[in-house]
Amino acid sequence: LVQNYFFSTDNPNLHHVFPTNSEYVLN
């Protein structure tokens, strides 16, 4: 979490540690 993003890929995202559509969660 920084104020200045020098590349679009620097942007912070909210990520599910256990992705909702991962094989583990679905099964």
PDB file of all heavy atoms in Angstrom:
ATOM      1  N   LEU A   1       0.848  -1.197   0.000  1.00  0.00           N
ATOM      2  CA  LEU A   1       0.000   0.000   0.000  1.00  0.00           C
ATOM      3  C   LEU A   1       0.881   1.243   0.000  1.00  0.00           C
ATOM      4  O   LEU A   1       1.438   1.639   1.029  1.00  0.00           O
ATOM      5  CB  LEU A   1      -0.904   0.001   1.228  1.00  0.00           C
ATOM      6  CG  LEU A   1      -1.816  -1.219   1.369  1.00  0.00           C
ATOM      7  CD1 LEU A   1      -2.601  -1.152   2.667  1.00  0.00           C
ATOM      8  CD2 LEU A   1      -2.760  -1.323   0.190  1.00  0.00           C
ATOM      9  N   VAL A   2       1.033   1.829  -1.173  1.00  0.00           N
ATOM     10  CA  VAL A   2       1.821   3.048  -1.323  1.00  0.00           C
ATOM     11  C   VAL A   2       0.976   4.082  -2.042  1.00  0.00           C
ATOM     12  O   VAL A   2      -0.059   3.769  -2.635  1.00  0.00           O
ATOM     13  CB  VAL A   2       3.121   2.781  -2.106  1.00  0.00           C
ATOM     14  CG1 VAL A   2       4.056   1.903  -1.297  1.00  0.00           C
ATOM     15  CG2 VAL A   2       2.826   2.142  -3.455  1.00  0.00           C
ATOM     16  N   GLN A   3       1.434   5.315  -2.003  1.00  0.00           N
ATOM     17  CA  GLN A   3       0.655   6.391  -2.618  1.00  0.00           C
ATOM     18  C   GLN A   3       0.898   6.508  -4.117  1.00  0.00           C
ATOM     19  O   GLN A   3       0.015   6.899  -4.863  1.00  0.00           O
ATOM     20  CB  GLN A   3       0.987   7.717  -1.942  1.00  0.00           C
ATOM     21  CG  GLN A   3       0.418   7.842  -0.532  1.00  0.00           C
ATOM     22  CD  GLN A   3       0.775   9.169   0.079  1.00  0.00           C
ATOM     23  OE1 GLN A   3       1.936   9.516   0.192  1.00  0.00           O
ATOM     24  NE2 GLN A   3      -0.236   9.913   0.485  1.00  0.00           N
ATOM     25  N   ASN A   4       2.097   6.179  -4.541  1.00  0.00           N
ATOM     26  CA  ASN A   4       2.438   6.355  -5.952  1.00  0.00           C
ATOM     27  C   ASN A   4       2.700   4.999  -6.608  1.00  0.00           C
ATOM     28  O   ASN A   4       3.504   4.209  -6.123  1.00  0.00           O
ATOM     29  CB  ASN A   4       3.683   7.240  -6.092  1.00  0.00           C
ATOM     30  CG  ASN A   4       3.447   8.618  -5.529  1.00  0.00           C
ATOM     31  OD1 ASN A   4       2.524   9.299  -5.943  1.00  0.00           O
ATOM     32  ND2 ASN A   4       4.277   9.032  -4.576  1.00  0.00           N
ATOM     33  N   TYR A   5       1.999   4.754  -7.713  1.00  0.00           N
ATOM     34  CA  TYR A   5       2.161   3.509  -8.446  1.00  0.00           C
ATOM     35  C   TYR A   5       2.870   3.820  -9.764  1.00  0.00           C
ATOM     36  O   TYR A   5       2.363   4.579 -10.590  1.00  0.00           O
ATOM     37  CB  TYR A   5       0.796   2.867  -8.726  1.00  0.00           C
ATOM     38  CG  TYR A   5      -0.099   2.792  -7.519  1.00  0.00           C
ATOM     39  CD1 TYR A   5      -1.374   3.329  -7.541  1.00  0.00           C
ATOM     40  CD2 TYR A   5       0.354   2.205  -6.344  1.00  0.00           C
ATOM     41  CE1 TYR A   5      -2.191   3.270  -6.425  1.00  0.00           C
ATOM     42  CE2 TYR A   5      -0.452   2.153  -5.215  1.00  0.00           C
ATOM     43  CZ  TYR A   5      -1.727   2.681  -5.262  1.00  0.00           C
ATOM     44  OH  TYR A   5      -2.528   2.636  -4.146  1.00  0.00           O
ATOM     45  N   PHE A   6       4.051   3.255  -9.919  1.00  0.00           N
ATOM     46  CA  PHE A   6       4.838   3.562 -11.106  1.00  0.00           C
ATOM     47  C   PHE A   6       4.512   2.631 -12.269  1.00  0.00           C
ATOM     48  O   PHE A   6       4.820   2.921 -13.410  1.00  0.00           O
ATOM     49  CB  PHE A   6       6.322   3.511 -10.756  1.00  0.00           C
ATOM     50  CG  PHE A   6       6.701   4.532  -9.719  1.00  0.00           C
ATOM     51  CD1 PHE A   6       6.819   4.194  -8.388  1.00  0.00           C
ATOM     52  CD2 PHE A   6       6.882   5.861 -10.073  1.00  0.00           C
ATOM     53  CE1 PHE A   6       7.147   5.136  -7.429  1.00  0.00           C
ATOM     54  CE2 PHE A   6       7.203   6.814  -9.127  1.00  0.00           C
ATOM     55  CZ  PHE A   6       7.341   6.449  -7.798  1.00  0.00           C
ATOM     56  N   PHE A   7       3.881   1.536 -11.962  1.00  0.00           N
ATOM     57  CA  PHE A   7       3.420   0.609 -12.997  1.00  0.00           C
ATOM     58  C   PHE A   7       2.013   0.158 -12.620  1.00  0.00           C
ATOM     59  O   PHE A   7       1.663   0.090 -11.442  1.00  0.00           O
ATOM     60  CB  PHE A   7       4.346  -0.614 -13.103  1.00  0.00           C
ATOM     61  CG  PHE A   7       5.787  -0.262 -13.387  1.00  0.00           C
ATOM     62  CD1 PHE A   7       6.698  -0.171 -12.349  1.00  0.00           C
ATOM     63  CD2 PHE A   7       6.209   0.006 -14.685  1.00  0.00           C
ATOM     64  CE1 PHE A   7       8.018   0.159 -12.590  1.00  0.00           C
ATOM     65  CE2 PHE A   7       7.531   0.343 -14.925  1.00  0.00           C
ATOM     66  CZ  PHE A   7       8.443   0.418 -13.889  1.00  0.00           C
ATOM     67  N   SER A   8       1.219  -0.174 -13.615  1.00  0.00           N
ATOM     68  CA  SER A   8      -0.154  -0.612 -13.329  1.00  0.00           C
ATOM     69  C   SER A   8      -0.159  -1.866 -12.468  1.00  0.00           C
ATOM     70  O   SER A   8      -1.086  -2.091 -11.689  1.00  0.00           O
ATOM     71  CB  SER A   8      -0.915  -0.868 -14.639  1.00  0.00           C
ATOM     72  OG  SER A   8      -0.291  -1.889 -15.388  1.00  0.00           O
ATOM     73  N   THR A   9       0.884  -2.667 -12.582  1.00  0.00           N
ATOM     74  CA  THR A   9       0.948  -3.922 -11.817  1.00  0.00           C
ATOM     75  C   THR A   9       1.308  -3.684 -10.359  1.00  0.00           C
ATOM     76  O   THR A   9       1.302  -4.619  -9.561  1.00  0.00           O
ATOM     77  CB  THR A   9       1.984  -4.872 -12.452  1.00  0.00           C
ATOM     78  OG1 THR A   9       3.232  -4.178 -12.602  1.00  0.00           O
ATOM     79  CG2 THR A   9       1.507  -5.366 -13.806  1.00  0.00           C
ATOM     80  N   ASP A  10       1.659  -2.408  -9.998  1.00  0.00           N
ATOM     81  CA  ASP A  10       1.941  -2.086  -8.605  1.00  0.00           C
ATOM     82  C   ASP A  10       0.668  -1.904  -7.789  1.00  0.00           C
ATOM     83  O   ASP A  10       0.706  -1.909  -6.562  1.00  0.00           O
ATOM     84  CB  ASP A  10       2.738  -0.771  -8.504  1.00  0.00           C
ATOM     85  CG  ASP A  10       4.162  -0.931  -9.016  1.00  0.00           C
ATOM     86  OD1 ASP A  10       4.622  -2.072  -9.121  1.00  0.00           O
ATOM     87  OD2 ASP A  10       4.789   0.096  -9.319  1.00  0.00           O
ATOM     88  N   ASN A  11      -0.458  -1.692  -8.450  1.00  0.00           N
ATOM     89  CA  ASN A  11      -1.697  -1.376  -7.750  1.00  0.00           C
ATOM     90  C   ASN A  11      -2.058  -2.479  -6.759  1.00  0.00           C
ATOM     91  O   ASN A  11      -1.991  -3.669  -7.085  1.00  0.00           O
ATOM     92  CB  ASN A  11      -2.842  -1.220  -8.747  1.00  0.00           C
ATOM     93  CG  ASN A  11      -2.772   0.108  -9.477  1.00  0.00           C
ATOM     94  OD1 ASN A  11      -3.199   1.121  -8.954  1.00  0.00           O
ATOM     95  ND2 ASN A  11      -2.226   0.088 -10.678  1.00  0.00           N
ATOM     96  N   PRO A  12      -2.464  -2.099  -5.547  1.00  0.00           N
ATOM     97  CA  PRO A  12      -2.860  -3.123  -4.577  1.00  0.00           C
ATOM     98  C   PRO A  12      -4.201  -3.739  -4.941  1.00  0.00           C
ATOM     99  O   PRO A  12      -5.114  -3.053  -5.395  1.00  0.00           O
ATOM    100  CB  PRO A  12      -2.956  -2.340  -3.260  1.00  0.00           C
ATOM    101  CG  PRO A  12      -3.214  -0.934  -3.676  1.00  0.00           C
ATOM    102  CD  PRO A  12      -2.521  -0.744  -4.977  1.00  0.00           C
ATOM    103  N   ASN A  13      -4.302  -5.029  -4.765  1.00  0.00           N
ATOM    104  CA  ASN A  13      -5.538  -5.769  -4.982  1.00  0.00           C
ATOM    105  C   ASN A  13      -5.947  -6.452  -3.685  1.00  0.00           C
ATOM    106  O   ASN A  13      -5.106  -6.762  -2.830  1.00  0.00           O
ATOM    107  CB  ASN A  13      -5.360  -6.842  -6.054  1.00  0.00           C
ATOM    108  CG  ASN A  13      -5.334  -6.298  -7.474  1.00  0.00           C
ATOM    109  OD1 ASN A  13      -5.424  -7.045  -8.425  1.00  0.00           O
ATOM    110  ND2 ASN A  13      -5.174  -4.990  -7.643  1.00  0.00           N
ATOM    111  N   LEU A  14      -7.243  -6.706  -3.549  1.00  0.00           N
ATOM    112  CA  LEU A  14      -7.732  -7.553  -2.468  1.00  0.00           C
ATOM    113  C   LEU A  14      -7.784  -8.974  -2.997  1.00  0.00           C
ATOM    114  O   LEU A  14      -8.422  -9.245  -4.015  1.00  0.00           O
ATOM    115  CB  LEU A  14      -9.116  -7.088  -2.012  1.00  0.00           C
ATOM    116  CG  LEU A  14      -9.172  -5.729  -1.320  1.00  0.00           C
ATOM    117  CD1 LEU A  14     -10.609  -5.338  -1.028  1.00  0.00           C
ATOM    118  CD2 LEU A  14      -8.364  -5.741  -0.029  1.00  0.00           C
ATOM    119  N   HIS A  15      -7.100  -9.875  -2.323  1.00  0.00           N
ATOM    120  CA  HIS A  15      -6.960 -11.249  -2.819  1.00  0.00           C
ATOM    121  C   HIS A  15      -7.499 -12.246  -1.792  1.00  0.00           C
ATOM    122  O   HIS A  15      -7.258 -12.104  -0.587  1.00  0.00           O
ATOM    123  CB  HIS A  15      -5.485 -11.539  -3.094  1.00  0.00           C
ATOM    124  CG  HIS A  15      -5.173 -12.998  -3.246  1.00  0.00           C
ATOM    125  ND1 HIS A  15      -5.577 -13.744  -4.335  1.00  0.00           N
ATOM    126  CD2 HIS A  15      -4.502 -13.853  -2.427  1.00  0.00           C
ATOM    127  CE1 HIS A  15      -5.169 -14.994  -4.185  1.00  0.00           C
ATOM    128  NE2 HIS A  15      -4.517 -15.083  -3.045  1.00  0.00           N
ATOM    129  N   HIS A  16      -8.239 -13.245  -2.254  1.00  0.00           N
ATOM    130  CA  HIS A  16      -8.679 -14.347  -1.400  1.00  0.00           C
ATOM    131  C   HIS A  16      -7.525 -15.334  -1.236  1.00  0.00           C
ATOM    132  O   HIS A  16      -7.029 -15.892  -2.231  1.00  0.00           O
ATOM    133  CB  HIS A  16      -9.872 -15.077  -2.021  1.00  0.00           C
ATOM    134  CG  HIS A  16     -11.144 -14.276  -2.053  1.00  0.00           C
ATOM    135  ND1 HIS A  16     -11.416 -13.362  -3.041  1.00  0.00           N
ATOM    136  CD2 HIS A  16     -12.207 -14.255  -1.205  1.00  0.00           C
ATOM    137  CE1 HIS A  16     -12.603 -12.807  -2.811  1.00  0.00           C
ATOM    138  NE2 HIS A  16     -13.097 -13.334  -1.699  1.00  0.00           N
ATOM    139  N   VAL A  17      -7.097 -15.564  -0.017  1.00  0.00           N
ATOM    140  CA  VAL A  17      -6.032 -16.547   0.217  1.00  0.00           C
ATOM    141  C   VAL A  17      -6.476 -17.914  -0.298  1.00  0.00           C
ATOM    142  O   VAL A  17      -5.722 -18.627  -0.954  1.00  0.00           O
ATOM    143  CB  VAL A  17      -5.675 -16.612   1.715  1.00  0.00           C
ATOM    144  CG1 VAL A  17      -4.604 -17.676   1.963  1.00  0.00           C
ATOM    145  CG2 VAL A  17      -5.198 -15.247   2.202  1.00  0.00           C
ATOM    146  N   PHE A  18      -7.719 -18.281  -0.001  1.00  0.00           N
ATOM    147  CA  PHE A  18      -8.355 -19.447  -0.607  1.00  0.00           C
ATOM    148  C   PHE A  18      -9.284 -18.917  -1.697  1.00  0.00           C
ATOM    149  O   PHE A  18     -10.417 -18.525  -1.411  1.00  0.00           O
ATOM    150  CB  PHE A  18      -9.160 -20.248   0.419  1.00  0.00           C
ATOM    151  CG  PHE A  18      -8.337 -21.025   1.403  1.00  0.00           C
ATOM    152  CD1 PHE A  18      -7.705 -20.394   2.457  1.00  0.00           C
ATOM    153  CD2 PHE A  18      -8.203 -22.410   1.276  1.00  0.00           C
ATOM    154  CE1 PHE A  18      -6.944 -21.113   3.366  1.00  0.00           C
ATOM    155  CE2 PHE A  18      -7.444 -23.143   2.181  1.00  0.00           C
ATOM    156  CZ  PHE A  18      -6.806 -22.486   3.229  1.00  0.00           C
ATOM    157  N   PRO A  19      -8.817 -18.839  -2.960  1.00  0.00           N
ATOM    158  CA  PRO A  19      -9.643 -18.262  -4.028  1.00  0.00           C
ATOM    159  C   PRO A  19     -11.008 -18.942  -4.104  1.00  0.00           C
ATOM    160  O   PRO A  19     -11.116 -20.172  -3.982  1.00  0.00           O
ATOM    161  CB  PRO A  19      -8.812 -18.511  -5.291  1.00  0.00           C
ATOM    162  CG  PRO A  19      -7.397 -18.569  -4.801  1.00  0.00           C
ATOM    163  CD  PRO A  19      -7.489 -19.243  -3.461  1.00  0.00           C
ATOM    164  N   THR A  20     -12.049 -18.147  -4.285  1.00  0.00           N
ATOM    165  CA  THR A  20     -13.427 -18.674  -4.248  1.00  0.00           C
ATOM    166  C   THR A  20     -13.685 -19.688  -5.355  1.00  0.00           C
ATOM    167  O   THR A  20     -14.562 -20.550  -5.215  1.00  0.00           O
ATOM    168  CB  THR A  20     -14.440 -17.535  -4.347  1.00  0.00           C
ATOM    169  OG1 THR A  20     -14.163 -16.762  -5.517  1.00  0.00           O
ATOM    170  CG2 THR A  20     -14.371 -16.638  -3.123  1.00  0.00           C
ATOM    171  N   ASN A  21     -12.949 -19.592  -6.460  1.00  0.00           N
ATOM    172  CA  ASN A  21     -13.125 -20.552  -7.560  1.00  0.00           C
ATOM    173  C   ASN A  21     -11.968 -21.536  -7.672  1.00  0.00           C
ATOM    174  O   ASN A  21     -11.777 -22.165  -8.714  1.00  0.00           O
ATOM    175  CB  ASN A  21     -13.300 -19.815  -8.893  1.00  0.00           C
ATOM    176  CG  ASN A  21     -14.623 -19.085  -8.970  1.00  0.00           C
ATOM    177  OD1 ASN A  21     -15.640 -19.610  -8.540  1.00  0.00           O
ATOM    178  ND2 ASN A  21     -14.613 -17.873  -9.504  1.00  0.00           N
ATOM    179  N   SER A  22     -11.199 -21.671  -6.587  1.00  0.00           N
ATOM    180  CA  SER A  22     -10.101 -22.630  -6.607  1.00  0.00           C
ATOM    181  C   SER A  22     -10.642 -24.056  -6.484  1.00  0.00           C
ATOM    182  O   SER A  22     -11.759 -24.281  -5.993  1.00  0.00           O
ATOM    183  CB  SER A  22      -9.125 -22.353  -5.461  1.00  0.00           C
ATOM    184  OG  SER A  22      -9.768 -22.552  -4.212  1.00  0.00           O
ATOM    185  N   GLU A  23      -9.848 -24.997  -6.903  1.00  0.00           N
ATOM    186  CA  GLU A  23     -10.259 -26.414  -6.841  1.00  0.00           C
ATOM    187  C   GLU A  23     -10.569 -26.829  -5.412  1.00  0.00           C
ATOM    188  O   GLU A  23     -11.538 -27.547  -5.154  1.00  0.00           O
ATOM    189  CB  GLU A  23      -9.140 -27.289  -7.421  1.00  0.00           C
ATOM    190  CG  GLU A  23      -9.458 -28.774  -7.412  1.00  0.00           C
ATOM    191  CD  GLU A  23      -8.283 -29.612  -7.898  1.00  0.00           C
ATOM    192  OE1 GLU A  23      -7.256 -29.013  -8.289  1.00  0.00           O
ATOM    193  OE2 GLU A  23      -8.405 -30.857  -7.879  1.00  0.00           O
ATOM    194  N   TYR A  24      -9.765 -26.333  -4.459  1.00  0.00           N
ATOM    195  CA  TYR A  24      -9.981 -26.705  -3.062  1.00  0.00           C
ATOM    196  C   TYR A  24     -11.363 -26.255  -2.589  1.00  0.00           C
ATOM    197  O   TYR A  24     -12.133 -27.025  -2.018  1.00  0.00           O
ATOM    198  CB  TYR A  24      -8.905 -26.100  -2.163  1.00  0.00           C
ATOM    199  CG  TYR A  24      -9.293 -26.179  -0.706  1.00  0.00           C
ATOM    200  CD1 TYR A  24      -9.115 -27.354   0.029  1.00  0.00           C
ATOM    201  CD2 TYR A  24      -9.925 -25.104  -0.080  1.00  0.00           C
ATOM    202  CE1 TYR A  24      -9.533 -27.450   1.349  1.00  0.00           C
ATOM    203  CE2 TYR A  24     -10.338 -25.189   1.243  1.00  0.00           C
ATOM    204  CZ  TYR A  24     -10.148 -26.369   1.951  1.00  0.00           C
ATOM    205  OH  TYR A  24     -10.572 -26.459   3.239  1.00  0.00           O
ATOM    206  N   VAL A  25     -11.689 -24.979  -2.799  1.00  0.00           N
ATOM    207  CA  VAL A  25     -12.965 -24.445  -2.296  1.00  0.00           C
ATOM    208  C   VAL A  25     -14.137 -25.131  -2.986  1.00  0.00           C
ATOM    209  O   VAL A  25     -15.128 -25.511  -2.343  1.00  0.00           O
ATOM    210  CB  VAL A  25     -13.027 -22.911  -2.498  1.00  0.00           C
ATOM    211  CG1 VAL A  25     -14.422 -22.390  -2.182  1.00  0.00           C
ATOM    212  CG2 VAL A  25     -11.985 -22.224  -1.621  1.00  0.00           C
ATOM    213  N   LEU A  26     -14.042 -25.311  -4.298  1.00  0.00           N
ATOM    214  CA  LEU A  26     -15.150 -25.930  -5.033  1.00  0.00           C
ATOM    215  C   LEU A  26     -15.384 -27.373  -4.591  1.00  0.00           C
ATOM    216  O   LEU A  26     -16.520 -27.852  -4.569  1.00  0.00           O
ATOM    217  CB  LEU A  26     -14.869 -25.871  -6.531  1.00  0.00           C
ATOM    218  CG  LEU A  26     -14.838 -24.460  -7.154  1.00  0.00           C
ATOM    219  CD1 LEU A  26     -14.422 -24.534  -8.623  1.00  0.00           C
ATOM    220  CD2 LEU A  26     -16.189 -23.779  -7.015  1.00  0.00           C
ATOM    221  N   ASN A  27     -14.315 -28.078  -4.241  1.00  0.00           N
ATOM    222  CA  ASN A  27     -14.442 -29.494  -3.871  1.00  0.00           C
ATOM    223  C   ASN A  27     -14.726 -29.711  -2.388  1.00  0.00           C
ATOM    224  O   ASN A  27     -15.062 -30.836  -1.988  1.00  0.00           O
ATOM    225  CB  ASN A  27     -13.151 -30.250  -4.228  1.00  0.00           C
ATOM    226  CG  ASN A  27     -12.985 -30.406  -5.733  1.00  0.00           C
ATOM    227  OD1 ASN A  27     -13.963 -30.287  -6.479  1.00  0.00           O
ATOM    228  ND2 ASN A  27     -11.763 -30.644  -6.182  1.00  0.00           N
TER     229      ASN A  27
END
